[in-house]
Amino acid sequence: MEKKLPTIKEIARRLNISASTVSRALHDHPSIGLRTKMAVKKLAAELNYEPNQTAIFFKQRKTFTIGLVLPNLREEFFSAAINGIEDVALDHNYIVLIGQSHDDLAREQKLVETMKNHRVDGILASISSSTTHIEHFEQMKNYDIPVVFFDRVPDAKDIHSVSCNLYDSSVEAVEWLINNGHKRIGYLQGPPTLNMKNERLDGYVEAHKKHKLPVDESLIVSTDLTVEGTRQAVDALLQLKKRPTAILSFNDYVTLDAIQYARQKKLAINKDICFVSYANVPVTQYVEYPPLASVEQFPYDQGLSATELLFRLIDKKVAGQEVPYENIVLRSELIIR
């Protein structure tokens, strides 16, 4: 026969006390004497008693879990963000359920649905490169599940978000190249779905204007973030009659793919053509030809700040308070190597 799990009522019956007294003793309530607490906890340990989490969740209106939807865990950027997220979650006695979209909208939608079904208390998300709408996230409002976006933030109203200021750092990055003698600077941007705010591009254009350089639209190309997509984009730049002497690219991973392709074309990296990037992931310091500079986007701080915001929303939700939408913008920094 299947062995029944011990309950508070079983402990109460054996000690001839009320179930409410047992519950308070297990939670170290000050109204319960030390001798009773010790007796209750001793018997609970002997019976291998475990609290009924479902009942606790129902009473506190929390499951003590949050969901995290990321494009890809293999990227160091998101690994660093997870560290910030889990540090805050641990302080709140929460666990984090992590899912990867692999830059696929359908998979992202399934992850959000699954997390909703598991009754997470909130969701953190960095959208996929193929995400063209956020209805699946907006639907979480119907279930009182707050959502906070970070890093890859959709250009939408009525959302909570944490991101870095990439406009100023983009201006600084292009100006640094201009001051180092580059007049034809290519810009390798990501998919349109990740360029909705256009901070990188706007900064690229502004730096040209400040230095009275024309913006040549043939120098602006896009990659879908795949190796082949990046190669095609770089090839388009290299095929120009007046090709660029430097390229500003979407992130370090795209840059490394671009550098590899340029080398295959027999170009001397950082001599015939130079690269400046975004993310400043640690792995680039171990490669033979890293980008000359990269914009630090502080993933740990983004993850930490986004999680702190999410917990504020969770607490206010439980308290029944109205929450204004909050968009936190952190600084970024151009790191010169």
Protein backbone atom coordinates (compact mmCIF):
# COMPACT_ATOMS: atom_id res chain seq x y z
CA MET A 1 0.00 0.00 0.00
CA GLU A 2 1.10 3.56 -0.69
CA LYS A 3 2.49 5.18 2.44
CA LYS A 4 0.66 8.34 3.44
CA LEU A 5 2.70 11.47 4.00
CA PRO A 6 2.61 12.77 7.60
CA THR A 7 0.47 15.83 8.18
CA ILE A 8 0.14 18.55 10.78
CA LYS A 9 -3.02 16.81 12.00
CA GLU A 10 -1.08 13.58 12.56
CA ILE A 11 1.53 15.41 14.65
CA ALA A 12 -1.23 17.18 16.60
CA ARG A 13 -3.04 13.88 17.29
CA ARG A 14 0.09 12.18 18.59
CA LEU A 15 1.00 15.09 20.89
CA ASN A 16 -2.60 15.74 21.89
CA ILE A 17 -2.48 19.39 20.89
CA SER A 18 -4.29 21.42 18.24
CA ALA A 19 -3.21 21.55 14.60
CA SER A 20 -2.92 25.34 14.84
CA THR A 21 -0.47 24.94 17.75
CA VAL A 22 1.63 22.55 15.65
CA SER A 23 1.65 25.01 12.74
CA ARG A 24 2.72 27.90 14.96
CA ALA A 25 5.40 25.77 16.63
CA LEU A 26 6.87 24.77 13.26
CA HIS A 27 7.06 28.45 12.35
CA ASP A 28 8.63 29.47 15.69
CA HIS A 29 5.68 31.63 16.68
CA PRO A 30 6.46 33.53 19.91
CA SER A 31 3.16 32.47 21.48
CA ILE A 32 4.32 28.84 21.64
CA GLY A 33 6.55 27.71 24.52
CA LEU A 34 10.02 26.27 23.93
CA ARG A 35 9.13 22.80 25.25
CA THR A 36 6.17 22.51 22.86
CA LYS A 37 8.26 23.74 19.92
CA MET A 38 10.97 21.19 20.63
CA ALA A 39 8.45 18.34 20.95
CA VAL A 40 6.69 19.30 17.72
CA LYS A 41 9.92 19.64 15.73
CA LYS A 42 11.33 16.39 17.14
CA LEU A 43 8.25 14.41 16.12
CA ALA A 44 8.08 16.17 12.73
CA ALA A 45 11.68 15.10 12.06
CA GLU A 46 10.98 11.50 13.14
CA LEU A 47 7.98 11.33 10.82
CA ASN A 48 9.88 13.02 7.94
CA TYR A 49 7.18 15.68 7.83
CA GLU A 50 7.38 18.17 4.96
CA PRO A 51 5.20 21.29 4.69
CA ASN A 52 2.35 21.22 2.18
CA GLN A 53 3.75 23.71 -0.32
CA THR A 54 0.45 24.00 -2.18
CA ALA A 55 -1.28 25.14 0.98
CA ILE A 56 1.52 27.59 1.74
CA PHE A 57 1.39 29.00 -1.78
CA PHE A 58 -2.37 29.39 -1.58
CA LYS A 59 -2.16 31.18 1.77
CA GLN A 60 0.67 33.54 0.82
CA ARG A 61 -0.43 33.98 -2.81
CA LYS A 62 3.13 33.19 -3.93
CA THR A 63 4.89 30.17 -5.43
CA PHE A 64 8.35 31.58 -4.69
CA THR A 65 9.47 30.97 -8.28
CA ILE A 66 10.20 33.39 -11.10
CA GLY A 67 10.61 32.57 -14.77
CA LEU A 68 13.54 33.68 -16.92
CA VAL A 69 13.35 33.63 -20.73
CA LEU A 70 16.66 34.14 -22.56
CA PRO A 71 17.79 33.84 -26.19
CA ASN A 72 20.76 31.56 -25.50
CA LEU A 73 22.65 30.44 -22.43
CA ARG A 74 25.87 29.85 -24.33
CA GLU A 75 26.44 33.60 -24.52
CA GLU A 76 28.61 34.86 -21.67
CA PHE A 77 26.54 38.03 -21.53
CA PHE A 78 23.45 36.13 -20.37
CA SER A 79 25.45 33.90 -18.05
CA ALA A 80 26.62 37.04 -16.25
CA ALA A 81 23.05 38.36 -16.16
CA ILE A 82 21.88 35.10 -14.56
CA ASN A 83 24.39 35.59 -11.75
CA GLY A 84 22.81 38.94 -10.91
CA ILE A 85 19.31 37.50 -11.18
CA GLU A 86 20.00 34.50 -8.95
CA ASP A 87 21.79 36.62 -6.32
CA VAL A 88 18.67 38.73 -5.86
CA ALA A 89 16.32 35.72 -6.06
CA LEU A 90 18.31 33.91 -3.36
CA ASP A 91 18.01 36.91 -1.06
CA HIS A 92 14.23 36.65 -1.48
CA ASN A 93 14.19 32.84 -0.99
CA TYR A 94 13.10 32.34 -4.59
CA ILE A 95 14.17 29.87 -7.25
CA VAL A 96 14.56 30.74 -10.94
CA LEU A 97 13.12 28.65 -13.77
CA ILE A 98 15.23 29.24 -16.89
CA GLY A 99 14.23 28.66 -20.50
CA GLN A 100 16.03 29.35 -23.79
CA SER A 101 14.17 30.67 -26.83
CA HIS A 102 17.13 30.07 -29.15
CA ASP A 103 15.96 33.23 -30.93
CA ASP A 104 12.74 31.51 -32.00
CA LEU A 105 9.41 33.28 -31.43
CA ALA A 106 7.34 30.08 -31.24
CA ARG A 107 9.66 28.62 -28.64
CA GLU A 108 9.56 31.85 -26.66
CA GLN A 109 5.76 31.77 -26.68
CA LYS A 110 5.76 28.15 -25.45
CA LEU A 111 8.15 29.02 -22.63
CA VAL A 112 5.97 31.90 -21.45
CA GLU A 113 2.88 29.67 -21.56
CA THR A 114 4.67 26.93 -19.60
CA MET A 115 5.82 29.37 -16.94
CA LYS A 116 2.29 30.72 -16.65
CA ASN A 117 1.00 27.17 -16.14
CA HIS A 118 3.58 26.65 -13.40
CA ARG A 119 2.19 29.76 -11.70
CA VAL A 120 5.46 31.67 -11.49
CA ASP A 121 5.17 34.88 -9.52
CA GLY A 122 6.83 36.92 -12.26
CA ILE A 123 8.82 36.69 -15.48
CA LEU A 124 12.11 38.22 -16.61
CA ALA A 125 12.69 38.24 -20.36
CA SER A 126 15.19 39.21 -23.02
CA ILE A 127 13.32 38.83 -26.30
CA SER A 128 14.42 36.68 -29.23
CA SER A 129 15.74 38.11 -32.48
CA SER A 130 12.59 36.85 -34.24
CA THR A 131 10.09 38.39 -31.80
CA THR A 132 7.84 40.67 -33.82
CA HIS A 133 5.15 41.19 -31.18
CA ILE A 134 4.79 40.69 -27.43
CA GLU A 135 1.17 39.59 -27.06
CA HIS A 136 2.30 36.43 -25.24
CA PHE A 137 3.94 38.59 -22.60
CA GLU A 138 1.06 41.05 -22.45
CA GLN A 139 -1.34 38.19 -21.76
CA MET A 140 0.42 37.63 -18.42
CA LYS A 141 -1.44 40.71 -17.15
CA ASN A 142 -4.61 38.59 -17.20
CA TYR A 143 -2.98 36.23 -14.69
CA ASP A 144 -1.42 38.93 -12.48
CA ILE A 145 2.07 37.83 -13.50
CA PRO A 146 4.33 40.88 -13.84
CA VAL A 147 6.93 40.88 -16.63
CA VAL A 148 10.21 42.80 -16.70
CA PHE A 149 12.26 42.98 -19.91
CA PHE A 150 16.00 43.54 -19.86
CA ASP A 151 18.80 44.06 -22.40
CA ARG A 152 16.76 43.06 -25.47
CA VAL A 153 13.79 45.28 -24.71
CA PRO A 154 10.84 45.63 -27.10
CA ASP A 155 10.02 49.14 -28.29
CA ALA A 156 6.58 49.18 -26.72
CA LYS A 157 4.55 51.28 -24.32
CA ASP A 158 3.29 50.07 -20.96
CA ILE A 159 6.16 47.73 -20.14
CA HIS A 160 8.64 47.43 -17.31
CA SER A 161 12.25 47.31 -18.49
CA VAL A 162 15.94 47.60 -17.66
CA SER A 163 18.45 48.42 -20.38
CA CYS A 164 21.72 50.21 -21.08
CA ASN A 165 22.12 53.60 -22.72
CA LEU A 166 23.64 52.55 -26.05
CA TYR A 167 23.14 55.88 -27.80
CA ASP A 168 25.88 57.76 -25.94
CA SER A 169 28.31 54.86 -26.12
CA SER A 170 27.65 54.47 -29.85
CA VAL A 171 28.50 58.12 -30.40
CA GLU A 172 31.66 57.63 -28.35
CA ALA A 173 32.64 54.45 -30.23
CA VAL A 174 32.31 56.04 -33.67
CA GLU A 175 34.06 59.22 -32.53
CA TRP A 176 36.94 57.11 -31.23
CA LEU A 177 37.29 55.52 -34.66
CA ILE A 178 37.07 58.91 -36.39
CA ASN A 179 39.72 60.34 -34.08
CA ASN A 180 41.94 57.41 -35.00
CA GLY A 181 41.78 58.32 -38.68
CA HIS A 182 38.79 56.33 -39.95
CA LYS A 183 36.47 58.18 -42.30
CA ARG A 184 34.58 55.23 -43.81
CA ILE A 185 33.05 53.25 -40.98
CA GLY A 186 30.70 50.36 -41.66
CA TYR A 187 27.85 49.57 -39.31
CA LEU A 188 26.85 45.92 -38.95
CA GLN A 189 23.45 45.97 -37.27
CA GLY A 190 21.24 43.16 -35.99
CA PRO A 191 17.79 42.02 -37.17
CA PRO A 192 15.07 44.70 -37.51
CA THR A 193 13.21 43.22 -34.52
CA LEU A 194 16.19 44.08 -32.29
CA ASN A 195 16.77 47.49 -33.82
CA MET A 196 13.39 49.02 -32.97
CA LYS A 197 14.90 51.65 -30.68
CA ASN A 198 17.81 52.24 -33.08
CA GLU A 199 20.07 53.57 -30.31
CA ARG A 200 23.17 52.10 -31.93
CA LEU A 201 22.29 53.45 -35.38
CA ASP A 202 21.21 56.84 -34.05
CA GLY A 203 24.53 57.16 -32.23
CA TYR A 204 26.41 56.12 -35.36
CA VAL A 205 24.63 58.82 -37.39
CA GLU A 206 25.06 61.49 -34.70
CA ALA A 207 28.82 60.92 -34.50
CA HIS A 208 29.09 61.42 -38.27
CA LYS A 209 27.10 64.64 -38.03
CA LYS A 210 29.26 65.97 -35.21
CA HIS A 211 32.37 65.45 -37.35
CA LYS A 212 30.67 66.69 -40.54
CA LEU A 213 31.06 63.32 -42.26
CA PRO A 214 28.38 62.14 -44.71
CA VAL A 215 26.43 59.01 -43.78
CA ASP A 216 26.81 56.53 -46.64
CA GLU A 217 23.84 54.15 -46.44
CA SER A 218 25.79 51.47 -48.34
CA LEU A 219 27.96 51.19 -45.23
CA ILE A 220 24.97 50.12 -43.11
CA VAL A 221 24.18 46.39 -43.42
CA SER A 222 22.23 43.85 -41.35
CA THR A 223 22.89 40.35 -40.04
CA ASP A 224 20.39 37.85 -38.69
CA LEU A 225 23.06 36.96 -36.09
CA THR A 226 23.88 33.62 -37.76
CA VAL A 227 27.42 32.94 -38.98
CA GLU A 228 26.26 32.87 -42.60
CA GLY A 229 24.16 36.00 -42.21
CA THR A 230 27.14 37.85 -40.77
CA ARG A 231 29.43 36.66 -43.56
CA GLN A 232 27.00 37.87 -46.19
CA ALA A 233 26.73 41.27 -44.49
CA VAL A 234 30.50 41.67 -44.19
CA ASP A 235 30.96 40.54 -47.78
CA ALA A 236 28.59 43.29 -48.91
CA LEU A 237 30.83 45.84 -47.17
CA LEU A 238 34.03 44.38 -48.59
CA GLN A 239 32.60 44.37 -52.12
CA LEU A 240 32.08 48.15 -52.04
CA LYS A 241 34.29 50.15 -54.42
CA LYS A 242 35.39 52.20 -51.41
CA ARG A 243 35.20 49.66 -48.64
CA PRO A 244 35.24 50.67 -44.96
CA THR A 245 38.45 50.79 -42.95
CA ALA A 246 36.54 50.03 -39.74
CA ILE A 247 33.31 48.29 -38.75
CA LEU A 248 31.08 48.89 -35.74
CA SER A 249 29.15 45.64 -35.17
CA PHE A 250 26.11 44.51 -33.18
CA ASN A 251 27.92 42.49 -30.50
CA ASP A 252 31.15 40.64 -29.79
CA TYR A 253 29.90 37.31 -31.14
CA VAL A 254 28.93 38.90 -34.46
CA THR A 255 32.29 40.67 -34.47
CA LEU A 256 34.26 37.45 -34.02
CA ASP A 257 32.37 35.89 -36.95
CA ALA A 258 33.07 39.03 -39.01
CA ILE A 259 36.76 38.96 -38.11
CA GLN A 260 37.04 35.31 -39.08
CA TYR A 261 35.49 36.04 -42.48
CA ALA A 262 37.73 39.08 -43.05
CA ARG A 263 40.77 36.93 -42.32
CA GLN A 264 39.59 34.39 -44.87
CA LYS A 265 39.56 37.28 -47.34
CA LYS A 266 43.27 37.83 -46.54
CA LEU A 267 42.70 41.12 -44.72
CA ALA A 268 45.02 42.06 -41.85
CA ILE A 269 42.79 42.55 -38.82
CA ASN A 270 43.11 45.93 -37.13
CA LYS A 271 45.38 47.06 -39.97
CA ASP A 272 43.48 46.68 -43.24
CA ILE A 273 40.22 46.75 -41.31
CA CYS A 274 39.39 47.45 -37.65
CA PHE A 275 36.49 46.39 -35.47
CA VAL A 276 34.62 47.95 -32.56
CA SER A 277 31.82 46.06 -30.87
CA TYR A 278 29.25 45.82 -28.05
CA ALA A 279 28.96 43.62 -24.93
CA ASN A 280 32.65 43.37 -23.94
CA VAL A 281 32.34 39.65 -23.14
CA PRO A 282 35.39 38.21 -21.33
CA VAL A 283 36.07 35.54 -23.98
CA THR A 284 37.31 38.19 -26.43
CA GLN A 285 40.45 38.74 -24.37
CA TYR A 286 41.55 35.19 -25.18
CA VAL A 287 41.18 35.34 -28.96
CA GLU A 288 44.04 36.25 -31.28
CA TYR A 289 42.24 39.17 -32.93
CA PRO A 290 39.77 40.82 -30.53
CA PRO A 291 37.89 44.01 -31.42
CA LEU A 292 39.90 47.14 -30.64
CA ALA A 293 37.14 48.39 -28.34
CA SER A 294 33.80 47.16 -27.05
CA VAL A 295 30.86 48.76 -25.25
CA GLU A 296 30.43 47.33 -21.76
CA GLN A 297 26.72 46.76 -21.10
CA PHE A 298 27.05 45.49 -17.52
CA PRO A 299 24.94 42.31 -17.76
CA TYR A 300 25.24 41.49 -14.05
CA ASP A 301 23.91 44.92 -13.12
CA GLN A 302 21.11 44.63 -15.67
CA GLY A 303 20.07 41.24 -14.30
CA LEU A 304 20.26 42.46 -10.71
CA SER A 305 18.31 45.66 -11.39
CA ALA A 306 15.64 43.84 -13.42
CA THR A 307 15.13 41.27 -10.65
CA GLU A 308 14.90 43.91 -7.95
CA LEU A 309 12.25 45.67 -10.05
CA LEU A 310 10.37 42.39 -10.52
CA PHE A 311 10.25 41.75 -6.77
CA ARG A 312 8.93 45.25 -6.16
CA LEU A 313 6.15 44.46 -8.64
CA ILE A 314 5.43 41.09 -7.01
CA ASP A 315 5.18 42.66 -3.54
CA LYS A 316 2.88 45.41 -4.79
CA LYS A 317 0.75 42.86 -6.64
CA VAL A 318 0.23 40.84 -3.45
CA ALA A 319 -0.61 44.06 -1.59
CA GLY A 320 -3.11 45.01 -4.29
CA GLN A 321 -1.31 48.25 -5.15
CA GLU A 322 -1.27 49.97 -8.52
CA VAL A 323 2.15 49.98 -10.16
CA PRO A 324 3.28 52.64 -12.66
CA TYR A 325 5.41 51.39 -15.54
CA GLU A 326 9.10 51.78 -14.91
CA ASN A 327 11.90 51.89 -17.51
CA ILE A 328 15.35 51.88 -15.94
CA VAL A 329 18.28 52.89 -18.14
CA LEU A 330 21.77 52.05 -16.90
CA ARG A 331 25.00 53.58 -18.13
CA SER A 332 27.24 51.84 -20.65
CA GLU A 333 30.96 52.35 -21.14
CA LEU A 334 33.33 52.12 -24.11
CA ILE A 335 36.24 49.88 -23.16
CA ILE A 336 39.41 50.50 -25.21
CA ARG A 337 41.72 47.53 -25.53
